[in-house]
PDB file of all heavy atoms in Angstrom:
ATOM      1  N   ARG A   1       0.844  -1.222   0.004  1.00  0.00           N
ATOM      2  CA  ARG A   1       0.030  -0.013  -0.025  1.00  0.00           C
ATOM      3  C   ARG A   1       0.890   1.278  -0.006  1.00  0.00           C
ATOM      4  O   ARG A   1       0.595   2.294  -0.586  1.00  0.00           O
ATOM      5  CB  ARG A   1      -0.932   0.003   1.275  1.00  0.00           C
ATOM      6  CG  ARG A   1      -2.001   1.037   1.213  1.00  0.00           C
ATOM      7  CD  ARG A   1      -2.975   0.864   2.375  1.00  0.00           C
ATOM      8  NE  ARG A   1      -4.049  -0.012   1.984  1.00  0.00           N
ATOM      9  CZ  ARG A   1      -4.595  -1.028   2.702  1.00  0.00           C
ATOM     10  NH1 ARG A   1      -3.986  -1.107   3.945  1.00  0.00           N
ATOM     11  NH2 ARG A   1      -5.576  -1.639   2.348  1.00  0.00           N
ATOM     12  N   ALA A   2       2.015   1.198   0.650  1.00  0.00           N
ATOM     13  CA  ALA A   2       2.969   2.385   0.756  1.00  0.00           C
ATOM     14  C   ALA A   2       3.742   2.460  -0.503  1.00  0.00           C
ATOM     15  O   ALA A   2       4.270   3.548  -0.816  1.00  0.00           O
ATOM     16  CB  ALA A   2       3.764   2.288   2.003  1.00  0.00           C
ATOM     17  N   LEU A   3       4.003   1.336  -1.236  1.00  0.00           N
ATOM     18  CA  LEU A   3       4.947   1.359  -2.332  1.00  0.00           C
ATOM     19  C   LEU A   3       4.295   2.215  -3.492  1.00  0.00           C
ATOM     20  O   LEU A   3       3.223   2.002  -3.979  1.00  0.00           O
ATOM     21  CB  LEU A   3       5.070  -0.142  -2.810  1.00  0.00           C
ATOM     22  CG  LEU A   3       6.004  -0.384  -3.974  1.00  0.00           C
ATOM     23  CD1 LEU A   3       7.487   0.039  -3.662  1.00  0.00           C
ATOM     24  CD2 LEU A   3       6.015  -1.860  -4.298  1.00  0.00           C
ATOM     25  N   ASN A   4       5.193   3.120  -3.949  1.00  0.00           N
ATOM     26  CA  ASN A   4       4.800   4.020  -5.114  1.00  0.00           C
ATOM     27  C   ASN A   4       3.385   4.646  -4.840  1.00  0.00           C
ATOM     28  O   ASN A   4       2.577   4.757  -5.809  1.00  0.00           O
ATOM     29  CB  ASN A   4       4.773   3.241  -6.372  1.00  0.00           C
ATOM     30  CG  ASN A   4       6.150   3.018  -6.868  1.00  0.00           C
ATOM     31  OD1 ASN A   4       7.153   3.625  -6.419  1.00  0.00           O
ATOM     32  ND2 ASN A   4       6.308   2.017  -7.815  1.00  0.00           N
ATOM     33  N   HIS A   5       3.125   5.185  -3.677  1.00  0.00           N
ATOM     34  CA  HIS A   5       1.789   5.623  -3.355  1.00  0.00           C
ATOM     35  C   HIS A   5       1.345   6.895  -4.225  1.00  0.00           C
ATOM     36  O   HIS A   5       0.287   6.808  -4.734  1.00  0.00           O
ATOM     37  CB  HIS A   5       1.873   6.201  -1.911  1.00  0.00           C
ATOM     38  CG  HIS A   5       0.519   6.699  -1.375  1.00  0.00           C
ATOM     39  ND1 HIS A   5      -0.650   5.981  -1.223  1.00  0.00           N
ATOM     40  CD2 HIS A   5       0.164   8.015  -1.060  1.00  0.00           C
ATOM     41  CE1 HIS A   5      -1.565   6.771  -0.801  1.00  0.00           C
ATOM     42  NE2 HIS A   5      -1.113   7.915  -0.708  1.00  0.00           N
ATOM     43  N   GLU A   6       2.201   7.798  -4.502  1.00  0.00           N
ATOM     44  CA  GLU A   6       1.847   8.964  -5.329  1.00  0.00           C
ATOM     45  C   GLU A   6       1.547   8.517  -6.746  1.00  0.00           C
ATOM     46  O   GLU A   6       0.631   9.009  -7.361  1.00  0.00           O
ATOM     47  CB  GLU A   6       2.982   9.992  -5.245  1.00  0.00           C
ATOM     48  CG  GLU A   6       3.130  10.649  -3.856  1.00  0.00           C
ATOM     49  CD  GLU A   6       1.843  11.237  -3.343  1.00  0.00           C
ATOM     50  OE1 GLU A   6       1.198  11.946  -4.195  1.00  0.00           O
ATOM     51  OE2 GLU A   6       1.637  11.177  -2.168  1.00  0.00           O
ATOM     52  N   ALA A   7       2.393   7.564  -7.207  1.00  0.00           N
ATOM     53  CA  ALA A   7       2.135   7.046  -8.615  1.00  0.00           C
ATOM     54  C   ALA A   7       0.792   6.340  -8.701  1.00  0.00           C
ATOM     55  O   ALA A   7       0.112   6.574  -9.775  1.00  0.00           O
ATOM     56  CB  ALA A   7       3.272   6.098  -8.949  1.00  0.00           C
ATOM     57  N   LYS A   8       0.418   5.608  -7.693  1.00  0.00           N
ATOM     58  CA  LYS A   8      -0.895   4.955  -7.699  1.00  0.00           C
ATOM     59  C   LYS A   8      -1.993   5.879  -7.764  1.00  0.00           C
ATOM     60  O   LYS A   8      -3.076   5.655  -8.376  1.00  0.00           O
ATOM     61  CB  LYS A   8      -1.028   3.978  -6.548  1.00  0.00           C
ATOM     62  CG  LYS A   8      -0.154   2.751  -6.696  1.00  0.00           C
ATOM     63  CD  LYS A   8      -0.168   1.942  -5.440  1.00  0.00           C
ATOM     64  CE  LYS A   8       0.812   0.728  -5.549  1.00  0.00           C
ATOM     65  NZ  LYS A   8       0.816  -0.075  -4.146  1.00  0.00           N
ATOM     66  N   ILE A   9      -1.826   7.066  -7.082  1.00  0.00           N
ATOM     67  CA  ILE A   9      -2.882   8.154  -7.071  1.00  0.00           C
ATOM     68  C   ILE A   9      -3.061   8.651  -8.440  1.00  0.00           C
ATOM     69  O   ILE A   9      -4.190   8.747  -9.047  1.00  0.00           O
ATOM     70  CB  ILE A   9      -2.565   9.215  -6.085  1.00  0.00           C
ATOM     71  CG1 ILE A   9      -2.678   8.663  -4.663  1.00  0.00           C
ATOM     72  CG2 ILE A   9      -3.521  10.404  -6.208  1.00  0.00           C
ATOM     73  CD1 ILE A   9      -2.266   9.692  -3.587  1.00  0.00           C
ATOM     74  N   ARG A  10      -1.895   8.943  -9.177  1.00  0.00           N
ATOM     75  CA  ARG A  10      -2.050   9.508 -10.532  1.00  0.00           C
ATOM     76  C   ARG A  10      -2.640   8.463 -11.515  1.00  0.00           C
ATOM     77  O   ARG A  10      -3.489   8.842 -12.253  1.00  0.00           O
ATOM     78  CB  ARG A  10      -0.590   9.854 -11.078  1.00  0.00           C
ATOM     79  CG  ARG A  10       0.139  10.981 -10.329  1.00  0.00           C
ATOM     80  CD  ARG A  10       1.247  11.505 -11.077  1.00  0.00           C
ATOM     81  NE  ARG A  10       2.297  10.425 -11.400  1.00  0.00           N
ATOM     82  CZ  ARG A  10       3.257  10.158 -10.654  1.00  0.00           C
ATOM     83  NH1 ARG A  10       3.301  10.767  -9.371  1.00  0.00           N
ATOM     84  NH2 ARG A  10       4.156   9.208 -10.960  1.00  0.00           N
ATOM     85  N   ILE A  11      -2.273   7.195 -11.338  1.00  0.00           N
ATOM     86  CA  ILE A  11      -2.882   6.233 -12.245  1.00  0.00           C
ATOM     87  C   ILE A  11      -4.352   6.164 -11.909  1.00  0.00           C
ATOM     88  O   ILE A  11      -5.177   5.987 -12.835  1.00  0.00           O
ATOM     89  CB  ILE A  11      -2.207   4.839 -11.838  1.00  0.00           C
ATOM     90  CG1 ILE A  11      -0.707   4.875 -12.442  1.00  0.00           C
ATOM     91  CG2 ILE A  11      -2.959   3.647 -12.511  1.00  0.00           C
ATOM     92  CD1 ILE A  11       0.056   3.715 -11.962  1.00  0.00           C
ATOM     93  N   ALA A  12      -4.710   6.093 -10.638  1.00  0.00           N
ATOM     94  CA  ALA A  12      -6.155   5.954 -10.257  1.00  0.00           C
ATOM     95  C   ALA A  12      -6.986   7.151 -10.834  1.00  0.00           C
ATOM     96  O   ALA A  12      -8.156   7.007 -11.291  1.00  0.00           O
ATOM     97  CB  ALA A  12      -6.357   5.923  -8.710  1.00  0.00           C
ATOM     98  N   GLU A  13      -6.490   8.385 -10.733  1.00  0.00           N
ATOM     99  CA  GLU A  13      -7.225   9.559 -11.243  1.00  0.00           C
ATOM    100  C   GLU A  13      -7.516   9.450 -12.657  1.00  0.00           C
ATOM    101  O   GLU A  13      -8.593   9.698 -13.120  1.00  0.00           O
ATOM    102  CB  GLU A  13      -6.386  10.857 -10.852  1.00  0.00           C
ATOM    103  CG  GLU A  13      -6.341  11.231  -9.425  1.00  0.00           C
ATOM    104  CD  GLU A  13      -5.393  12.332  -9.179  1.00  0.00           C
ATOM    105  OE1 GLU A  13      -4.501  12.676 -10.072  1.00  0.00           O
ATOM    106  OE2 GLU A  13      -5.473  12.988  -8.170  1.00  0.00           O
ATOM    107  N   ARG A  14      -6.424   8.961 -13.425  1.00  0.00           N
ATOM    108  CA  ARG A  14      -6.743   8.881 -14.872  1.00  0.00           C
ATOM    109  C   ARG A  14      -7.664   7.775 -15.196  1.00  0.00           C
ATOM    110  O   ARG A  14      -8.527   7.886 -16.079  1.00  0.00           O
ATOM    111  CB  ARG A  14      -5.423   8.581 -15.540  1.00  0.00           C
ATOM    112  CG  ARG A  14      -5.459   8.534 -17.139  1.00  0.00           C
ATOM    113  CD  ARG A  14      -6.062   9.841 -17.638  1.00  0.00           C
ATOM    114  NE  ARG A  14      -6.207   9.758 -19.091  1.00  0.00           N
ATOM    115  CZ  ARG A  14      -5.312  10.006 -20.068  1.00  0.00           C
ATOM    116  NH1 ARG A  14      -4.031  10.373 -19.686  1.00  0.00           N
ATOM    117  NH2 ARG A  14      -5.644   9.945 -21.326  1.00  0.00           N
ATOM    118  N   CYS A  15      -7.539   6.646 -14.584  1.00  0.00           N
ATOM    119  CA  CYS A  15      -8.410   5.426 -14.850  1.00  0.00           C
ATOM    120  C   CYS A  15      -9.789   5.912 -14.586  1.00  0.00           C
ATOM    121  O   CYS A  15     -10.751   5.587 -15.329  1.00  0.00           O
ATOM    122  CB  CYS A  15      -7.944   4.216 -14.066  1.00  0.00           C
ATOM    123  SG  CYS A  15      -8.934   2.787 -14.312  1.00  0.00           S
ATOM    124  N   ALA A  16     -10.031   6.338 -13.295  1.00  0.00           N
ATOM    125  CA  ALA A  16     -11.386   6.780 -12.909  1.00  0.00           C
ATOM    126  C   ALA A  16     -12.007   7.802 -13.842  1.00  0.00           C
ATOM    127  O   ALA A  16     -13.258   7.705 -14.102  1.00  0.00           O
ATOM    128  CB  ALA A  16     -11.392   7.270 -11.471  1.00  0.00           C
ATOM    129  N   ALA A  17     -11.281   8.711 -14.381  1.00  0.00           N
ATOM    130  CA  ALA A  17     -11.725   9.778 -15.256  1.00  0.00           C
ATOM    131  C   ALA A  17     -12.274   9.078 -16.558  1.00  0.00           C
ATOM    132  O   ALA A  17     -13.169   9.641 -17.188  1.00  0.00           O
ATOM    133  CB  ALA A  17     -10.677  10.738 -15.595  1.00  0.00           C
ATOM    134  N   ASP A  18     -11.788   7.970 -16.897  1.00  0.00           N
ATOM    135  CA  ASP A  18     -12.205   7.245 -18.072  1.00  0.00           C
ATOM    136  C   ASP A  18     -13.319   6.291 -17.901  1.00  0.00           C
ATOM    137  O   ASP A  18     -13.888   5.700 -18.855  1.00  0.00           O
ATOM    138  CB  ASP A  18     -10.964   6.451 -18.743  1.00  0.00           C
ATOM    139  CG  ASP A  18      -9.945   7.377 -19.338  1.00  0.00           C
ATOM    140  OD1 ASP A  18     -10.242   8.520 -19.646  1.00  0.00           O
ATOM    141  OD2 ASP A  18      -8.776   6.953 -19.555  1.00  0.00           O
ATOM    142  N   ILE A  19     -13.857   6.199 -16.728  1.00  0.00           N
ATOM    143  CA  ILE A  19     -14.970   5.367 -16.399  1.00  0.00           C
ATOM    144  C   ILE A  19     -16.290   6.218 -16.496  1.00  0.00           C
ATOM    145  O   ILE A  19     -16.432   7.095 -15.720  1.00  0.00           O
ATOM    146  CB  ILE A  19     -14.821   4.724 -15.121  1.00  0.00           C
ATOM    147  CG1 ILE A  19     -13.618   3.878 -14.939  1.00  0.00           C
ATOM    148  CG2 ILE A  19     -16.131   3.904 -14.645  1.00  0.00           C
ATOM    149  CD1 ILE A  19     -13.579   2.620 -15.897  1.00  0.00           C
ATOM    150  N   PRO A  20     -17.178   5.957 -17.352  1.00  0.00           N
ATOM    151  CA  PRO A  20     -18.399   6.692 -17.352  1.00  0.00           C
ATOM    152  C   PRO A  20     -19.291   6.534 -16.258  1.00  0.00           C
ATOM    153  O   PRO A  20     -19.263   5.439 -15.659  1.00  0.00           O
ATOM    154  CB  PRO A  20     -18.985   6.308 -18.696  1.00  0.00           C
ATOM    155  CG  PRO A  20     -18.060   5.503 -19.478  1.00  0.00           C
ATOM    156  CD  PRO A  20     -17.092   4.947 -18.490  1.00  0.00           C
ATOM    157  N   GLU A  21     -20.085   7.546 -15.907  1.00  0.00           N
ATOM    158  CA  GLU A  21     -21.105   7.323 -14.929  1.00  0.00           C
ATOM    159  C   GLU A  21     -22.155   6.364 -15.442  1.00  0.00           C
ATOM    160  O   GLU A  21     -22.363   6.300 -16.689  1.00  0.00           O
ATOM    161  CB  GLU A  21     -21.644   8.619 -14.407  1.00  0.00           C
ATOM    162  CG  GLU A  21     -20.636   9.574 -13.723  1.00  0.00           C
ATOM    163  CD  GLU A  21     -21.224  10.825 -13.183  1.00  0.00           C
ATOM    164  OE1 GLU A  21     -22.359  11.192 -13.588  1.00  0.00           O
ATOM    165  OE2 GLU A  21     -20.555  11.390 -12.355  1.00  0.00           O
ATOM    166  N   GLY A  22     -22.805   5.643 -14.526  1.00  0.00           N
ATOM    167  CA  GLY A  22     -23.840   4.687 -15.133  1.00  0.00           C
ATOM    168  C   GLY A  22     -23.213   3.409 -15.491  1.00  0.00           C
ATOM    169  O   GLY A  22     -23.909   2.647 -16.186  1.00  0.00           O
ATOM    170  N   SER A  23     -21.997   3.107 -15.128  1.00  0.00           N
ATOM    171  CA  SER A  23     -21.300   1.879 -15.559  1.00  0.00           C
ATOM    172  C   SER A  23     -21.363   0.807 -14.404  1.00  0.00           C
ATOM    173  O   SER A  23     -21.582   0.942 -13.250  1.00  0.00           O
ATOM    174  CB  SER A  23     -19.793   2.156 -15.740  1.00  0.00           C
ATOM    175  OG  SER A  23     -19.544   3.045 -16.824  1.00  0.00           O
ATOM    176  N   SER A  24     -21.419  -0.447 -15.018  1.00  0.00           N
ATOM    177  CA  SER A  24     -21.145  -1.615 -14.088  1.00  0.00           C
ATOM    178  C   SER A  24     -19.703  -2.023 -14.206  1.00  0.00           C
ATOM    179  O   SER A  24     -19.082  -2.054 -15.246  1.00  0.00           O
ATOM    180  CB  SER A  24     -21.969  -2.804 -14.593  1.00  0.00           C
ATOM    181  OG  SER A  24     -21.690  -3.246 -15.820  1.00  0.00           O
ATOM    182  N   ILE A  25     -18.985  -2.293 -12.989  1.00  0.00           N
ATOM    183  CA  ILE A  25     -17.538  -2.371 -12.854  1.00  0.00           C
ATOM    184  C   ILE A  25     -17.244  -3.470 -12.006  1.00  0.00           C
ATOM    185  O   ILE A  25     -17.910  -3.772 -11.020  1.00  0.00           O
ATOM    186  CB  ILE A  25     -16.961  -1.096 -12.313  1.00  0.00           C
ATOM    187  CG1 ILE A  25     -17.476   0.136 -13.000  1.00  0.00           C
ATOM    188  CG2 ILE A  25     -15.393  -1.177 -12.384  1.00  0.00           C
ATOM    189  CD1 ILE A  25     -17.087   1.481 -12.211  1.00  0.00           C
ATOM    190  N   PHE A  26     -16.183  -4.284 -12.332  1.00  0.00           N
ATOM    191  CA  PHE A  26     -15.656  -5.170 -11.355  1.00  0.00           C
ATOM    192  C   PHE A  26     -14.228  -4.682 -11.056  1.00  0.00           C
ATOM    193  O   PHE A  26     -13.417  -4.244 -11.884  1.00  0.00           O
ATOM    194  CB  PHE A  26     -15.519  -6.650 -11.963  1.00  0.00           C
ATOM    195  CG  PHE A  26     -15.095  -7.600 -10.888  1.00  0.00           C
ATOM    196  CD1 PHE A  26     -16.177  -8.252 -10.294  1.00  0.00           C
ATOM    197  CD2 PHE A  26     -13.897  -7.765 -10.429  1.00  0.00           C
ATOM    198  CE1 PHE A  26     -15.904  -9.179  -9.149  1.00  0.00           C
ATOM    199  CE2 PHE A  26     -13.577  -8.544  -9.415  1.00  0.00           C
ATOM    200  CZ  PHE A  26     -14.545  -9.314  -8.716  1.00  0.00           C
ATOM    201  N   MET A  27     -13.917  -4.819  -9.768  1.00  0.00           N
ATOM    202  CA  MET A  27     -12.574  -4.452  -9.255  1.00  0.00           C
ATOM    203  C   MET A  27     -12.102  -5.598  -8.426  1.00  0.00           C
ATOM    204  O   MET A  27     -12.648  -6.037  -7.526  1.00  0.00           O
ATOM    205  CB  MET A  27     -12.713  -3.130  -8.429  1.00  0.00           C
ATOM    206  CG  MET A  27     -13.290  -1.986  -9.288  1.00  0.00           C
ATOM    207  SD  MET A  27     -13.631  -0.507  -8.265  1.00  0.00           S
ATOM    208  CE  MET A  27     -11.834   0.067  -8.271  1.00  0.00           C
ATOM    209  N   ASN A  28     -10.768  -5.942  -8.689  1.00  0.00           N
ATOM    210  CA  ASN A  28     -10.289  -7.063  -7.956  1.00  0.00           C
ATOM    211  C   ASN A  28      -9.371  -6.703  -6.798  1.00  0.00           C
ATOM    212  O   ASN A  28      -9.370  -5.574  -6.432  1.00  0.00           O
ATOM    213  CB  ASN A  28      -9.593  -8.148  -8.929  1.00  0.00           C
ATOM    214  CG  ASN A  28      -8.291  -7.536  -9.411  1.00  0.00           C
ATOM    215  OD1 ASN A  28      -7.839  -6.379  -9.290  1.00  0.00           O
ATOM    216  ND2 ASN A  28      -7.425  -8.435  -9.967  1.00  0.00           N
ATOM    217  N   ILE A  29      -8.723  -7.690  -6.236  1.00  0.00           N
ATOM    218  CA  ILE A  29      -7.787  -7.444  -5.123  1.00  0.00           C
ATOM    219  C   ILE A  29      -6.631  -6.625  -5.429  1.00  0.00           C
ATOM    220  O   ILE A  29      -5.989  -6.863  -6.472  1.00  0.00           O
ATOM    221  CB  ILE A  29      -7.446  -8.803  -4.422  1.00  0.00           C
ATOM    222  CG1 ILE A  29      -8.705  -9.591  -4.067  1.00  0.00           C
ATOM    223  CG2 ILE A  29      -6.558  -8.570  -3.218  1.00  0.00           C
ATOM    224  CD1 ILE A  29      -8.295 -11.037  -3.711  1.00  0.00           C
ATOM    225  N   GLY A  30      -6.234  -5.686  -4.647  1.00  0.00           N
ATOM    226  CA  GLY A  30      -4.959  -4.990  -4.849  1.00  0.00           C
ATOM    227  C   GLY A  30      -5.035  -3.540  -4.336  1.00  0.00           C
ATOM    228  O   GLY A  30      -6.027  -2.923  -4.218  1.00  0.00           O
ATOM    229  N   THR A  31      -3.859  -2.999  -3.998  1.00  0.00           N
ATOM    230  CA  THR A  31      -3.859  -1.585  -3.557  1.00  0.00           C
ATOM    231  C   THR A  31      -3.999  -0.594  -4.666  1.00  0.00           C
ATOM    232  O   THR A  31      -4.499   0.454  -4.443  1.00  0.00           O
ATOM    233  CB  THR A  31      -2.450  -1.332  -2.833  1.00  0.00           C
ATOM    234  OG1 THR A  31      -1.402  -1.593  -3.838  1.00  0.00           O
ATOM    235  CG2 THR A  31      -2.251  -2.256  -1.694  1.00  0.00           C
TER     236      THR A  31
END
């Protein structure tokens, strides 16, 4: 969870921005 924490935030922001509202999503195990 601590490893590359800031990088994970940048990745997450971009990924979430590409997910449209009204979507069905699966998310698996992982930080």
